[in-house]
Amino acid sequence: MDAVDLQIIRELQADGRLSNQDLADRVRLSPSPCLRRVRRLEEAGLIRGYTAMVDQVAYGLPITVFVRIRLERHTAEAVALFEGAVGHIEHIQDCYLMAGSSDYLLRVVIESLEAYEALVRTRIHAIPGISSIESSFAFGSVKQSRTYPAPASPARRRPV
């Protein structure tokens, strides 16, 4: 991956609906080589898809909750059970495996506090092997970026 590939990725992160012609103009390539590069980045898995950015509040999910989970045991079975269950709960937008005092950090978007309580009681508490659940409610968002910064070192980049 070279500087042009990085520029293509940044432009598409900022606006995934760019036409190939507009993208080519922005990265100073002709349309055919630009399209070949985009296809190569897609085939290599660097570009995994395209999506619409939706306003969370206008969509009807105004509450964001960060949930820290600790497991009772860290056996392969307990981890697989937890991770599999989390994958089926659509209000959980992100699930990170963590180092430190929590095993997982979840980002949940939800309609109301009552809906969050019901989610915890009926879906999250139902997952076997959880030792503790700690919730933090976001008051608002200061920054949400969908564009990754350029990697610091070319040596760390995956070949495309």
Protein backbone atom coordinates (compact mmCIF):
# COMPACT_ATOMS: atom_id res chain seq x y z
CA MET A 1 0.00 0.00 0.00
CA ASP A 2 1.47 3.30 -1.07
CA ALA A 3 0.59 6.96 -0.47
CA VAL A 4 -1.99 6.96 -3.28
CA ASP A 5 -3.75 3.92 -1.79
CA LEU A 6 -3.84 5.70 1.59
CA GLN A 7 -5.29 8.80 -0.05
CA ILE A 8 -7.95 6.69 -1.83
CA ILE A 9 -8.91 5.08 1.48
CA ARG A 10 -9.13 8.44 3.27
CA GLU A 11 -11.28 9.95 0.52
CA LEU A 12 -13.66 6.97 0.54
CA GLN A 13 -13.88 7.05 4.35
CA ALA A 14 -14.90 10.70 4.13
CA ASP A 15 -17.42 10.08 1.32
CA GLY A 16 -18.14 6.50 0.26
CA ARG A 17 -20.53 7.74 -2.45
CA LEU A 18 -17.82 9.40 -4.53
CA SER A 19 -18.00 8.44 -8.18
CA ASN A 20 -14.86 6.85 -9.57
CA GLN A 21 -14.31 9.98 -11.67
CA ASP A 22 -14.51 12.28 -8.61
CA LEU A 23 -12.26 9.96 -6.60
CA ALA A 24 -9.74 9.83 -9.45
CA ASP A 25 -9.73 13.63 -9.64
CA ARG A 26 -9.14 13.97 -5.89
CA VAL A 27 -6.20 11.53 -5.87
CA ARG A 28 -4.84 12.81 -9.21
CA LEU A 29 -5.18 9.59 -11.20
CA SER A 30 -7.04 8.77 -14.36
CA PRO A 31 -10.27 6.79 -13.78
CA SER A 32 -9.05 3.34 -14.92
CA PRO A 33 -5.99 3.10 -12.64
CA CYS A 34 -8.04 4.56 -9.79
CA LEU A 35 -10.74 1.89 -10.19
CA ARG A 36 -8.09 -0.85 -10.38
CA ARG A 37 -6.59 0.39 -7.11
CA VAL A 38 -10.01 0.50 -5.41
CA ARG A 39 -10.81 -3.05 -6.57
CA ARG A 40 -7.40 -4.25 -5.35
CA LEU A 41 -7.97 -2.62 -1.94
CA GLU A 42 -11.41 -4.28 -1.76
CA GLU A 43 -10.03 -7.70 -2.75
CA ALA A 44 -7.24 -7.38 -0.18
CA GLY A 45 -9.82 -6.68 2.53
CA LEU A 46 -8.63 -3.17 3.37
CA ILE A 47 -11.95 -1.79 2.11
CA ARG A 48 -14.53 -4.13 3.60
CA GLY A 49 -17.69 -2.39 2.42
CA TYR A 50 -19.65 0.83 2.19
CA THR A 51 -22.38 2.14 4.47
CA ALA A 52 -24.53 5.18 5.20
CA MET A 53 -23.78 7.26 8.30
CA VAL A 54 -27.08 7.66 10.16
CA ASP A 55 -27.89 10.21 12.85
CA GLN A 56 -28.32 8.05 15.97
CA VAL A 57 -30.71 10.43 17.75
CA ALA A 58 -32.88 11.14 14.70
CA TYR A 59 -33.02 7.39 14.06
CA GLY A 60 -34.53 6.90 17.51
CA LEU A 61 -31.61 5.55 19.54
CA PRO A 62 -30.56 8.61 21.57
CA ILE A 63 -28.78 6.80 24.41
CA THR A 64 -25.22 5.47 24.24
CA VAL A 65 -24.04 3.19 27.02
CA PHE A 66 -20.51 1.87 27.53
CA VAL A 67 -20.69 -1.43 29.36
CA ARG A 68 -17.73 -3.08 31.06
CA ILE A 69 -18.04 -6.84 31.48
CA ARG A 70 -15.99 -9.21 33.61
CA LEU A 71 -16.24 -12.95 33.17
CA GLU A 72 -16.17 -15.44 36.04
CA ARG A 73 -13.79 -17.73 34.13
CA HIS A 74 -11.63 -17.27 31.07
CA THR A 75 -11.93 -20.73 29.60
CA ALA A 76 -12.24 -21.09 25.85
CA GLU A 77 -15.81 -22.28 26.32
CA ALA A 78 -16.84 -19.30 28.51
CA VAL A 79 -15.25 -16.81 26.12
CA ALA A 80 -16.84 -18.41 23.05
CA LEU A 81 -20.24 -18.50 24.76
CA PHE A 82 -20.05 -14.82 25.73
CA GLU A 83 -18.73 -13.62 22.36
CA GLY A 84 -21.31 -15.67 20.47
CA ALA A 85 -24.18 -14.27 22.56
CA VAL A 86 -22.99 -10.69 22.19
CA GLY A 87 -22.88 -11.14 18.42
CA HIS A 88 -26.63 -11.76 18.40
CA ILE A 89 -27.68 -8.65 20.36
CA GLU A 90 -28.27 -5.93 17.78
CA HIS A 91 -28.21 -3.02 20.25
CA ILE A 92 -24.56 -3.88 20.97
CA GLN A 93 -22.73 -1.96 18.25
CA ASP A 94 -19.16 -2.73 19.30
CA CYS A 95 -17.52 -5.29 21.55
CA TYR A 96 -13.85 -4.97 22.44
CA LEU A 97 -11.69 -7.53 24.23
CA MET A 98 -9.83 -5.51 26.85
CA ALA A 99 -6.69 -5.62 28.95
CA GLY A 100 -7.06 -4.37 32.51
CA SER A 101 -9.84 -4.63 35.05
CA SER A 102 -12.60 -5.43 32.53
CA ASP A 103 -12.62 -8.29 30.05
CA TYR A 104 -14.88 -6.60 27.50
CA LEU A 105 -16.10 -3.11 26.65
CA LEU A 106 -19.40 -2.86 24.81
CA ARG A 107 -20.94 0.14 23.10
CA VAL A 108 -24.72 -0.05 23.22
CA VAL A 109 -27.19 2.26 21.50
CA ILE A 110 -30.76 2.18 22.81
CA GLU A 111 -34.11 3.96 22.83
CA SER A 112 -34.50 4.70 26.54
CA LEU A 113 -33.28 3.91 30.04
CA GLU A 114 -36.20 1.50 30.43
CA ALA A 115 -35.20 -0.28 27.23
CA TYR A 116 -31.60 -0.50 28.48
CA GLU A 117 -32.75 -1.98 31.78
CA ALA A 118 -34.80 -4.58 29.89
CA LEU A 119 -31.83 -5.37 27.64
CA VAL A 120 -29.58 -5.96 30.65
CA ARG A 121 -32.15 -8.00 32.55
CA THR A 122 -33.35 -10.18 29.68
CA ARG A 123 -30.39 -10.47 27.30
CA ILE A 124 -27.09 -9.62 28.99
CA HIS A 125 -27.81 -11.20 32.39
CA ALA A 126 -28.94 -14.31 30.51
CA ILE A 127 -25.42 -14.88 29.19
CA PRO A 128 -23.79 -17.50 31.43
CA GLY A 129 -20.42 -16.80 33.00
CA ILE A 130 -20.66 -13.04 33.59
CA SER A 131 -19.15 -11.93 36.90
CA SER A 132 -19.98 -8.22 36.72
CA ILE A 133 -21.61 -5.60 34.52
CA GLU A 134 -20.81 -1.90 34.91
CA SER A 135 -22.60 0.71 32.80
CA SER A 136 -21.58 4.28 31.97
CA PHE A 137 -23.97 6.55 30.10
CA ALA A 138 -22.64 9.07 27.60
CA PHE A 139 -23.96 12.61 28.01
CA GLY A 140 -23.03 13.42 24.45
CA SER A 141 -20.41 12.96 21.79
CA VAL A 142 -17.46 15.31 21.52
CA LYS A 143 -15.84 13.55 18.55
CA GLN A 144 -16.73 10.65 16.31
CA SER A 145 -14.34 9.98 13.47
CA ARG A 146 -14.85 7.51 10.67
CA THR A 147 -11.53 8.33 9.02
CA TYR A 148 -8.44 6.54 10.27
CA PRO A 149 -5.19 8.48 10.60
CA ALA A 150 -2.38 7.48 8.28
CA PRO A 151 -0.21 4.69 9.73
CA ALA A 152 3.02 5.97 11.25
CA SER A 153 5.38 3.49 9.67
CA PRO A 154 5.29 2.02 6.15
CA ALA A 155 6.92 -1.10 7.59
CA ARG A 156 3.77 -1.92 9.57
CA ARG A 157 1.44 -1.81 6.58
CA ARG A 158 0.07 -5.00 5.11
CA PRO A 159 1.10 -5.60 1.50
CA VAL A 160 -1.74 -5.20 -1.00
